[in-house]
PDB file of all heavy atoms in Angstrom:
ATOM      1  N   ASN A   1       1.487  19.232  15.434  1.00  0.00           N
ATOM      2  CA  ASN A   1       1.098  20.585  15.834  1.00  0.00           C
ATOM      3  C   ASN A   1       1.434  21.526  14.675  1.00  0.00           C
ATOM      4  O   ASN A   1       2.006  21.159  13.658  1.00  0.00           O
ATOM      5  CB  ASN A   1       1.783  21.005  17.138  1.00  0.00           C
ATOM      6  CG  ASN A   1       3.312  21.013  17.016  1.00  0.00           C
ATOM      7  OD1 ASN A   1       3.882  21.340  15.974  1.00  0.00           O
ATOM      8  ND2 ASN A   1       3.996  20.660  18.139  1.00  0.00           N
ATOM      9  N   ILE A   2       1.046  22.789  14.827  1.00  0.00           N
ATOM     10  CA  ILE A   2       1.176  23.744  13.762  1.00  0.00           C
ATOM     11  C   ILE A   2       2.643  23.940  13.303  1.00  0.00           C
ATOM     12  O   ILE A   2       2.930  24.068  12.124  1.00  0.00           O
ATOM     13  CB  ILE A   2       0.575  25.139  14.190  1.00  0.00           C
ATOM     14  CG1 ILE A   2       0.609  26.105  12.983  1.00  0.00           C
ATOM     15  CG2 ILE A   2       1.299  25.717  15.359  1.00  0.00           C
ATOM     16  CD1 ILE A   2      -0.260  25.699  11.818  1.00  0.00           C
ATOM     17  N   ASN A   3       3.598  23.889  14.280  1.00  0.00           N
ATOM     18  CA  ASN A   3       4.986  24.007  13.928  1.00  0.00           C
ATOM     19  C   ASN A   3       5.453  22.870  13.068  1.00  0.00           C
ATOM     20  O   ASN A   3       6.203  23.044  12.113  1.00  0.00           O
ATOM     21  CB  ASN A   3       5.870  24.100  15.195  1.00  0.00           C
ATOM     22  CG  ASN A   3       5.612  25.357  15.986  1.00  0.00           C
ATOM     23  OD1 ASN A   3       5.192  26.380  15.443  1.00  0.00           O
ATOM     24  ND2 ASN A   3       5.866  25.282  17.305  1.00  0.00           N
ATOM     25  N   GLU A   4       5.012  21.633  13.411  1.00  0.00           N
ATOM     26  CA  GLU A   4       5.425  20.458  12.652  1.00  0.00           C
ATOM     27  C   GLU A   4       4.762  20.444  11.265  1.00  0.00           C
ATOM     28  O   GLU A   4       5.374  19.948  10.278  1.00  0.00           O
ATOM     29  CB  GLU A   4       5.076  19.207  13.429  1.00  0.00           C
ATOM     30  CG  GLU A   4       5.928  19.068  14.674  1.00  0.00           C
ATOM     31  CD  GLU A   4       5.335  18.125  15.722  1.00  0.00           C
ATOM     32  OE1 GLU A   4       4.149  17.848  15.643  1.00  0.00           O
ATOM     33  OE2 GLU A   4       6.081  17.689  16.594  1.00  0.00           O
ATOM     34  N   VAL A   5       3.574  20.939  11.158  1.00  0.00           N
ATOM     35  CA  VAL A   5       2.853  20.976   9.878  1.00  0.00           C
ATOM     36  C   VAL A   5       3.609  21.910   8.906  1.00  0.00           C
ATOM     37  O   VAL A   5       3.791  21.601   7.715  1.00  0.00           O
ATOM     38  CB  VAL A   5       1.391  21.463  10.049  1.00  0.00           C
ATOM     39  CG1 VAL A   5       0.798  21.797   8.688  1.00  0.00           C
ATOM     40  CG2 VAL A   5       0.591  20.408  10.733  1.00  0.00           C
ATOM     41  N   LEU A   6       4.029  23.072   9.420  1.00  0.00           N
ATOM     42  CA  LEU A   6       4.698  24.049   8.587  1.00  0.00           C
ATOM     43  C   LEU A   6       6.181  23.700   8.279  1.00  0.00           C
ATOM     44  O   LEU A   6       6.714  24.225   7.293  1.00  0.00           O
ATOM     45  CB  LEU A   6       4.650  25.429   9.255  1.00  0.00           C
ATOM     46  CG  LEU A   6       3.239  26.081   9.346  1.00  0.00           C
ATOM     47  CD1 LEU A   6       3.310  27.350  10.158  1.00  0.00           C
ATOM     48  CD2 LEU A   6       2.714  26.355   7.957  1.00  0.00           C
ATOM     49  N   SER A   7       6.772  22.867   9.092  1.00  0.00           N
ATOM     50  CA  SER A   7       8.180  22.536   8.894  1.00  0.00           C
ATOM     51  C   SER A   7       8.374  21.129   8.409  1.00  0.00           C
ATOM     52  O   SER A   7       8.762  20.878   7.232  1.00  0.00           O
ATOM     53  CB  SER A   7       8.963  22.782  10.191  1.00  0.00           C
ATOM     54  OG  SER A   7       8.427  21.991  11.255  1.00  0.00           O
ATOM     55  N   LEU A   8       8.025  20.143   9.246  1.00  0.00           N
ATOM     56  CA  LEU A   8       8.283  18.733   8.952  1.00  0.00           C
ATOM     57  C   LEU A   8       7.570  18.300   7.645  1.00  0.00           C
ATOM     58  O   LEU A   8       8.187  17.725   6.765  1.00  0.00           O
ATOM     59  CB  LEU A   8       7.848  17.871  10.135  1.00  0.00           C
ATOM     60  CG  LEU A   8       8.239  16.388  10.063  1.00  0.00           C
ATOM     61  CD1 LEU A   8       9.742  16.233  10.122  1.00  0.00           C
ATOM     62  CD2 LEU A   8       7.574  15.627  11.193  1.00  0.00           C
ATOM     63  N   SER A   9       6.289  18.550   7.585  1.00  0.00           N
ATOM     64  CA  SER A   9       5.499  18.092   6.444  1.00  0.00           C
ATOM     65  C   SER A   9       5.961  18.757   5.143  1.00  0.00           C
ATOM     66  O   SER A   9       6.117  18.126   4.085  1.00  0.00           O
ATOM     67  CB  SER A   9       4.010  18.399   6.654  1.00  0.00           C
ATOM     68  OG  SER A   9       3.521  17.719   7.776  1.00  0.00           O
ATOM     69  N   SER A  10       6.220  20.078   5.210  1.00  0.00           N
ATOM     70  CA  SER A  10       6.692  20.774   4.010  1.00  0.00           C
ATOM     71  C   SER A  10       7.989  20.232   3.466  1.00  0.00           C
ATOM     72  O   SER A  10       8.170  20.053   2.280  1.00  0.00           O
ATOM     73  CB  SER A  10       6.823  22.276   4.328  1.00  0.00           C
ATOM     74  OG  SER A  10       7.282  22.993   3.206  1.00  0.00           O
ATOM     75  N   ILE A  11       8.919  19.945   4.413  1.00  0.00           N
ATOM     76  CA  ILE A  11      10.225  19.430   4.032  1.00  0.00           C
ATOM     77  C   ILE A  11      10.075  18.031   3.412  1.00  0.00           C
ATOM     78  O   ILE A  11      10.691  17.685   2.402  1.00  0.00           O
ATOM     79  CB  ILE A  11      11.184  19.389   5.246  1.00  0.00           C
ATOM     80  CG1 ILE A  11      11.563  20.820   5.597  1.00  0.00           C
ATOM     81  CG2 ILE A  11      12.438  18.623   4.936  1.00  0.00           C
ATOM     82  CD1 ILE A  11      12.191  20.944   6.973  1.00  0.00           C
ATOM     83  N   MET A  12       9.219  17.196   4.031  1.00  0.00           N
ATOM     84  CA  MET A  12       8.970  15.852   3.509  1.00  0.00           C
ATOM     85  C   MET A  12       8.543  15.854   2.075  1.00  0.00           C
ATOM     86  O   MET A  12       9.002  15.053   1.241  1.00  0.00           O
ATOM     87  CB  MET A  12       7.871  15.163   4.333  1.00  0.00           C
ATOM     88  CG  MET A  12       8.326  14.537   5.651  1.00  0.00           C
ATOM     89  SD  MET A  12       7.012  13.630   6.411  1.00  0.00           S
ATOM     90  CE  MET A  12       6.708  12.339   5.171  1.00  0.00           C
ATOM     91  N   PHE A  13       7.651  16.765   1.703  1.00  0.00           N
ATOM     92  CA  PHE A  13       7.010  16.712   0.404  1.00  0.00           C
ATOM     93  C   PHE A  13       7.762  17.477  -0.664  1.00  0.00           C
ATOM     94  O   PHE A  13       7.457  17.426  -1.840  1.00  0.00           O
ATOM     95  CB  PHE A  13       5.576  17.260   0.494  1.00  0.00           C
ATOM     96  CG  PHE A  13       4.725  16.492   1.463  1.00  0.00           C
ATOM     97  CD1 PHE A  13       3.783  17.142   2.257  1.00  0.00           C
ATOM     98  CD2 PHE A  13       4.886  15.111   1.598  1.00  0.00           C
ATOM     99  CE1 PHE A  13       2.996  16.416   3.168  1.00  0.00           C
ATOM    100  CE2 PHE A  13       4.112  14.411   2.516  1.00  0.00           C
ATOM    101  CZ  PHE A  13       3.156  15.048   3.265  1.00  0.00           C
ATOM    102  N   ARG A  14       8.832  18.247  -0.272  1.00  0.00           N
ATOM    103  CA  ARG A  14       9.535  19.060  -1.266  1.00  0.00           C
ATOM    104  C   ARG A  14      10.997  18.635  -1.407  1.00  0.00           C
ATOM    105  O   ARG A  14      11.629  18.949  -2.434  1.00  0.00           O
ATOM    106  CB  ARG A  14       9.491  20.510  -0.866  1.00  0.00           C
ATOM    107  CG  ARG A  14       8.117  21.134  -1.020  1.00  0.00           C
ATOM    108  CD  ARG A  14       8.172  22.623  -0.684  1.00  0.00           C
ATOM    109  NE  ARG A  14       6.847  23.236  -0.788  1.00  0.00           N
ATOM    110  CZ  ARG A  14       6.325  23.761  -1.889  1.00  0.00           C
ATOM    111  NH1 ARG A  14       7.051  23.715  -3.020  1.00  0.00           N
ATOM    112  NH2 ARG A  14       5.154  24.306  -1.893  1.00  0.00           N
ATOM    113  N   MET A  15      11.587  17.923  -0.428  1.00  0.00           N
ATOM    114  CA  MET A  15      13.012  17.697  -0.439  1.00  0.00           C
ATOM    115  C   MET A  15      13.440  16.835  -1.609  1.00  0.00           C
ATOM    116  O   MET A  15      14.495  17.058  -2.219  1.00  0.00           O
ATOM    117  CB  MET A  15      13.426  17.024   0.875  1.00  0.00           C
ATOM    118  CG  MET A  15      14.907  16.934   1.092  1.00  0.00           C
ATOM    119  SD  MET A  15      15.723  18.527   1.221  1.00  0.00           S
ATOM    120  CE  MET A  15      15.209  19.086   2.842  1.00  0.00           C
ATOM    121  N   LYS A  16      12.623  15.876  -2.002  1.00  0.00           N
ATOM    122  CA  LYS A  16      12.998  14.929  -3.066  1.00  0.00           C
ATOM    123  C   LYS A  16      13.194  15.658  -4.398  1.00  0.00           C
ATOM    124  O   LYS A  16      14.140  15.407  -5.124  1.00  0.00           O
ATOM    125  CB  LYS A  16      11.970  13.849  -3.218  1.00  0.00           C
ATOM    126  CG  LYS A  16      12.332  12.779  -4.265  1.00  0.00           C
ATOM    127  CD  LYS A  16      11.297  11.681  -4.349  1.00  0.00           C
ATOM    128  CE  LYS A  16      11.692  10.669  -5.399  1.00  0.00           C
ATOM    129  NZ  LYS A  16      10.678   9.570  -5.490  1.00  0.00           N
ATOM    130  N   SER A  17      12.318  16.585  -4.737  1.00  0.00           N
ATOM    131  CA  SER A  17      12.393  17.299  -5.986  1.00  0.00           C
ATOM    132  C   SER A  17      13.603  18.237  -6.047  1.00  0.00           C
ATOM    133  O   SER A  17      14.078  18.605  -7.125  1.00  0.00           O
ATOM    134  CB  SER A  17      11.121  18.091  -6.248  1.00  0.00           C
ATOM    135  OG  SER A  17      10.931  19.095  -5.236  1.00  0.00           O
ATOM    136  N   ASN A  18      14.153  18.613  -4.892  1.00  0.00           N
ATOM    137  CA  ASN A  18      15.320  19.505  -4.815  1.00  0.00           C
ATOM    138  C   ASN A  18      16.624  18.719  -4.619  1.00  0.00           C
ATOM    139  O   ASN A  18      17.687  19.344  -4.334  1.00  0.00           O
ATOM    140  CB  ASN A  18      15.155  20.530  -3.706  1.00  0.00           C
ATOM    141  CG  ASN A  18      13.956  21.455  -3.935  1.00  0.00           C
ATOM    142  OD1 ASN A  18      13.614  21.716  -5.061  1.00  0.00           O
ATOM    143  ND2 ASN A  18      13.351  21.933  -2.869  1.00  0.00           N
ATOM    144  N   ALA A  19      16.571  17.387  -4.689  1.00  0.00           N
ATOM    145  CA  ALA A  19      17.694  16.547  -4.297  1.00  0.00           C
ATOM    146  C   ALA A  19      18.966  16.896  -5.082  1.00  0.00           C
ATOM    147  O   ALA A  19      20.034  17.026  -4.491  1.00  0.00           O
ATOM    148  CB  ALA A  19      17.341  15.071  -4.454  1.00  0.00           C
ATOM    149  N   LEU A  20      18.877  16.995  -6.406  1.00  0.00           N
ATOM    150  CA  LEU A  20      20.085  17.249  -7.201  1.00  0.00           C
ATOM    151  C   LEU A  20      20.724  18.610  -6.872  1.00  0.00           C
ATOM    152  O   LEU A  20      21.917  18.723  -6.707  1.00  0.00           O
ATOM    153  CB  LEU A  20      19.743  17.147  -8.694  1.00  0.00           C
ATOM    154  CG  LEU A  20      20.930  17.345  -9.664  1.00  0.00           C
ATOM    155  CD1 LEU A  20      21.985  16.301  -9.417  1.00  0.00           C
ATOM    156  CD2 LEU A  20      20.452  17.272 -11.099  1.00  0.00           C
ATOM    157  N   LEU A  21      19.816  19.635  -6.800  1.00  0.00           N
ATOM    158  CA  LEU A  21      20.330  20.959  -6.448  1.00  0.00           C
ATOM    159  C   LEU A  21      21.015  20.979  -5.128  1.00  0.00           C
ATOM    160  O   LEU A  21      22.113  21.529  -4.940  1.00  0.00           O
ATOM    161  CB  LEU A  21      19.151  21.955  -6.440  1.00  0.00           C
ATOM    162  CG  LEU A  21      19.432  23.358  -5.925  1.00  0.00           C
ATOM    163  CD1 LEU A  21      20.409  24.083  -6.818  1.00  0.00           C
ATOM    164  CD2 LEU A  21      18.155  24.143  -5.743  1.00  0.00           C
ATOM    165  N   LEU A  22      20.371  20.351  -4.078  1.00  0.00           N
ATOM    166  CA  LEU A  22      20.944  20.369  -2.732  1.00  0.00           C
ATOM    167  C   LEU A  22      22.242  19.542  -2.713  1.00  0.00           C
ATOM    168  O   LEU A  22      23.156  19.876  -1.961  1.00  0.00           O
ATOM    169  CB  LEU A  22      19.908  19.778  -1.786  1.00  0.00           C
ATOM    170  CG  LEU A  22      18.683  20.656  -1.541  1.00  0.00           C
ATOM    171  CD1 LEU A  22      17.669  19.937  -0.666  1.00  0.00           C
ATOM    172  CD2 LEU A  22      19.076  21.988  -0.882  1.00  0.00           C
ATOM    173  N   THR A  23      22.296  18.471  -3.514  1.00  0.00           N
ATOM    174  CA  THR A  23      23.557  17.674  -3.580  1.00  0.00           C
ATOM    175  C   THR A  23      24.688  18.516  -4.131  1.00  0.00           C
ATOM    176  O   THR A  23      25.812  18.487  -3.594  1.00  0.00           O
ATOM    177  CB  THR A  23      23.330  16.416  -4.460  1.00  0.00           C
ATOM    178  OG1 THR A  23      22.299  15.634  -3.886  1.00  0.00           O
ATOM    179  CG2 THR A  23      24.595  15.603  -4.513  1.00  0.00           C
ATOM    180  N   ILE A  24      24.435  19.270  -5.180  1.00  0.00           N
ATOM    181  CA  ILE A  24      25.474  20.132  -5.777  1.00  0.00           C
ATOM    182  C   ILE A  24      25.909  21.186  -4.773  1.00  0.00           C
ATOM    183  O   ILE A  24      27.113  21.434  -4.579  1.00  0.00           O
ATOM    184  CB  ILE A  24      24.954  20.779  -7.060  1.00  0.00           C
ATOM    185  CG1 ILE A  24      24.701  19.737  -8.133  1.00  0.00           C
ATOM    186  CG2 ILE A  24      25.930  21.844  -7.584  1.00  0.00           C
ATOM    187  CD1 ILE A  24      23.979  20.233  -9.359  1.00  0.00           C
ATOM    188  N   ILE A  25      24.920  21.848  -4.124  1.00  0.00           N
ATOM    189  CA  ILE A  25      25.262  22.896  -3.139  1.00  0.00           C
ATOM    190  C   ILE A  25      26.069  22.302  -2.009  1.00  0.00           C
ATOM    191  O   ILE A  25      27.060  22.869  -1.540  1.00  0.00           O
ATOM    192  CB  ILE A  25      23.978  23.563  -2.634  1.00  0.00           C
ATOM    193  CG1 ILE A  25      23.357  24.422  -3.729  1.00  0.00           C
ATOM    194  CG2 ILE A  25      24.226  24.413  -1.380  1.00  0.00           C
ATOM    195  CD1 ILE A  25      22.037  25.051  -3.365  1.00  0.00           C
ATOM    196  N   THR A  26      25.636  21.143  -1.492  1.00  0.00           N
ATOM    197  CA  THR A  26      26.319  20.516  -0.372  1.00  0.00           C
ATOM    198  C   THR A  26      27.749  20.125  -0.769  1.00  0.00           C
ATOM    199  O   THR A  26      28.713  20.370  -0.013  1.00  0.00           O
ATOM    200  CB  THR A  26      25.587  19.272   0.071  1.00  0.00           C
ATOM    201  OG1 THR A  26      24.270  19.630   0.472  1.00  0.00           O
ATOM    202  CG2 THR A  26      26.287  18.577   1.246  1.00  0.00           C
ATOM    203  N   THR A  27      27.950  19.513  -1.958  1.00  0.00           N
ATOM    204  CA  THR A  27      29.234  19.044  -2.385  1.00  0.00           C
ATOM    205  C   THR A  27      30.211  20.212  -2.573  1.00  0.00           C
ATOM    206  O   THR A  27      31.350  20.162  -2.113  1.00  0.00           O
ATOM    207  CB  THR A  27      29.105  18.240  -3.695  1.00  0.00           C
ATOM    208  OG1 THR A  27      28.194  17.168  -3.489  1.00  0.00           O
ATOM    209  CG2 THR A  27      30.448  17.716  -4.104  1.00  0.00           C
ATOM    210  N   VAL A  28      29.730  21.273  -3.267  1.00  0.00           N
ATOM    211  CA  VAL A  28      30.632  22.394  -3.520  1.00  0.00           C
ATOM    212  C   VAL A  28      30.896  23.163  -2.226  1.00  0.00           C
ATOM    213  O   VAL A  28      32.005  23.689  -2.030  1.00  0.00           O
ATOM    214  CB  VAL A  28      30.046  23.310  -4.615  1.00  0.00           C
ATOM    215  CG1 VAL A  28      30.964  24.496  -4.910  1.00  0.00           C
ATOM    216  CG2 VAL A  28      29.747  22.552  -5.884  1.00  0.00           C
ATOM    217  N   SER A  29      29.905  23.213  -1.311  1.00  0.00           N
ATOM    218  CA  SER A  29      30.130  23.850  -0.029  1.00  0.00           C
ATOM    219  C   SER A  29      31.245  23.082   0.738  1.00  0.00           C
ATOM    220  O   SER A  29      32.160  23.696   1.341  1.00  0.00           O
ATOM    221  CB  SER A  29      28.859  23.866   0.821  1.00  0.00           C
ATOM    222  OG  SER A  29      27.909  24.741   0.274  1.00  0.00           O
ATOM    223  N   ALA A  30      31.115  21.750   0.734  1.00  0.00           N
ATOM    224  CA  ALA A  30      32.152  20.919   1.410  1.00  0.00           C
ATOM    225  C   ALA A  30      33.521  21.152   0.779  1.00  0.00           C
ATOM    226  O   ALA A  30      34.528  21.221   1.485  1.00  0.00           O
ATOM    227  CB  ALA A  30      31.740  19.462   1.337  1.00  0.00           C
ATOM    228  N   LEU A  31      33.518  21.241  -0.549  1.00  0.00           N
ATOM    229  CA  LEU A  31      34.790  21.453  -1.238  1.00  0.00           C
ATOM    230  C   LEU A  31      35.388  22.804  -0.892  1.00  0.00           C
ATOM    231  O   LEU A  31      36.596  22.903  -0.598  1.00  0.00           O
ATOM    232  CB  LEU A  31      34.557  21.408  -2.752  1.00  0.00           C
ATOM    233  CG  LEU A  31      35.762  21.502  -3.682  1.00  0.00           C
ATOM    234  CD1 LEU A  31      36.714  20.309  -3.449  1.00  0.00           C
ATOM    235  CD2 LEU A  31      35.367  21.585  -5.120  1.00  0.00           C
ATOM    236  N   ALA A  32      34.561  23.862  -0.860  1.00  0.00           N
ATOM    237  CA  ALA A  32      35.046  25.182  -0.529  1.00  0.00           C
ATOM    238  C   ALA A  32      35.568  25.251   0.916  1.00  0.00           C
ATOM    239  O   ALA A  32      36.675  25.781   1.162  1.00  0.00           O
ATOM    240  CB  ALA A  32      33.920  26.203  -0.711  1.00  0.00           C
ATOM    241  N   ILE A  33      34.774  24.676   1.850  1.00  0.00           N
ATOM    242  CA  ILE A  33      35.206  24.679   3.256  1.00  0.00           C
ATOM    243  C   ILE A  33      36.466  23.860   3.451  1.00  0.00           C
ATOM    244  O   ILE A  33      37.401  24.250   4.151  1.00  0.00           O
ATOM    245  CB  ILE A  33      34.077  24.135   4.167  1.00  0.00           C
ATOM    246  CG1 ILE A  33      32.830  25.028   4.089  1.00  0.00           C
ATOM    247  CG2 ILE A  33      34.538  24.010   5.591  1.00  0.00           C
ATOM    248  CD1 ILE A  33      31.598  24.442   4.725  1.00  0.00           C
ATOM    249  N   GLY A  34      36.528  22.686   2.796  1.00  0.00           N
ATOM    250  CA  GLY A  34      37.688  21.811   2.923  1.00  0.00           C
ATOM    251  C   GLY A  34      38.937  22.447   2.391  1.00  0.00           C
ATOM    252  O   GLY A  34      40.005  22.444   3.031  1.00  0.00           O
ATOM    253  N   LEU A  35      38.871  22.992   1.149  1.00  0.00           N
ATOM    254  CA  LEU A  35      40.069  23.612   0.564  1.00  0.00           C
ATOM    255  C   LEU A  35      40.534  24.831   1.334  1.00  0.00           C
ATOM    256  O   LEU A  35      41.745  25.020   1.543  1.00  0.00           O
ATOM    257  CB  LEU A  35      39.774  23.999  -0.892  1.00  0.00           C
ATOM    258  CG  LEU A  35      39.601  22.864  -1.890  1.00  0.00           C
ATOM    259  CD1 LEU A  35      39.238  23.375  -3.263  1.00  0.00           C
ATOM    260  CD2 LEU A  35      40.916  22.023  -2.012  1.00  0.00           C
ATOM    261  N   LEU A  36      39.576  25.639   1.808  1.00  0.00           N
ATOM    262  CA  LEU A  36      39.914  26.829   2.582  1.00  0.00           C
ATOM    263  C   LEU A  36      40.553  26.394   3.898  1.00  0.00           C
ATOM    264  O   LEU A  36      41.544  27.009   4.385  1.00  0.00           O
ATOM    265  CB  LEU A  36      38.696  27.702   2.783  1.00  0.00           C
ATOM    266  CG  LEU A  36      38.968  29.096   3.368  1.00  0.00           C
ATOM    267  CD1 LEU A  36      39.969  29.851   2.504  1.00  0.00           C
ATOM    268  CD2 LEU A  36      37.698  29.903   3.470  1.00  0.00           C
TER     269      LEU A  36
END
């Protein structure tokens, strides 16, 4: 449906190219939350 086209499909086709950036953000977020 239209909601899945705009969300699921878009994430499928873009997530891989952002993998390194998201890994850095996730890791440092976890570090900040954990240390705090």
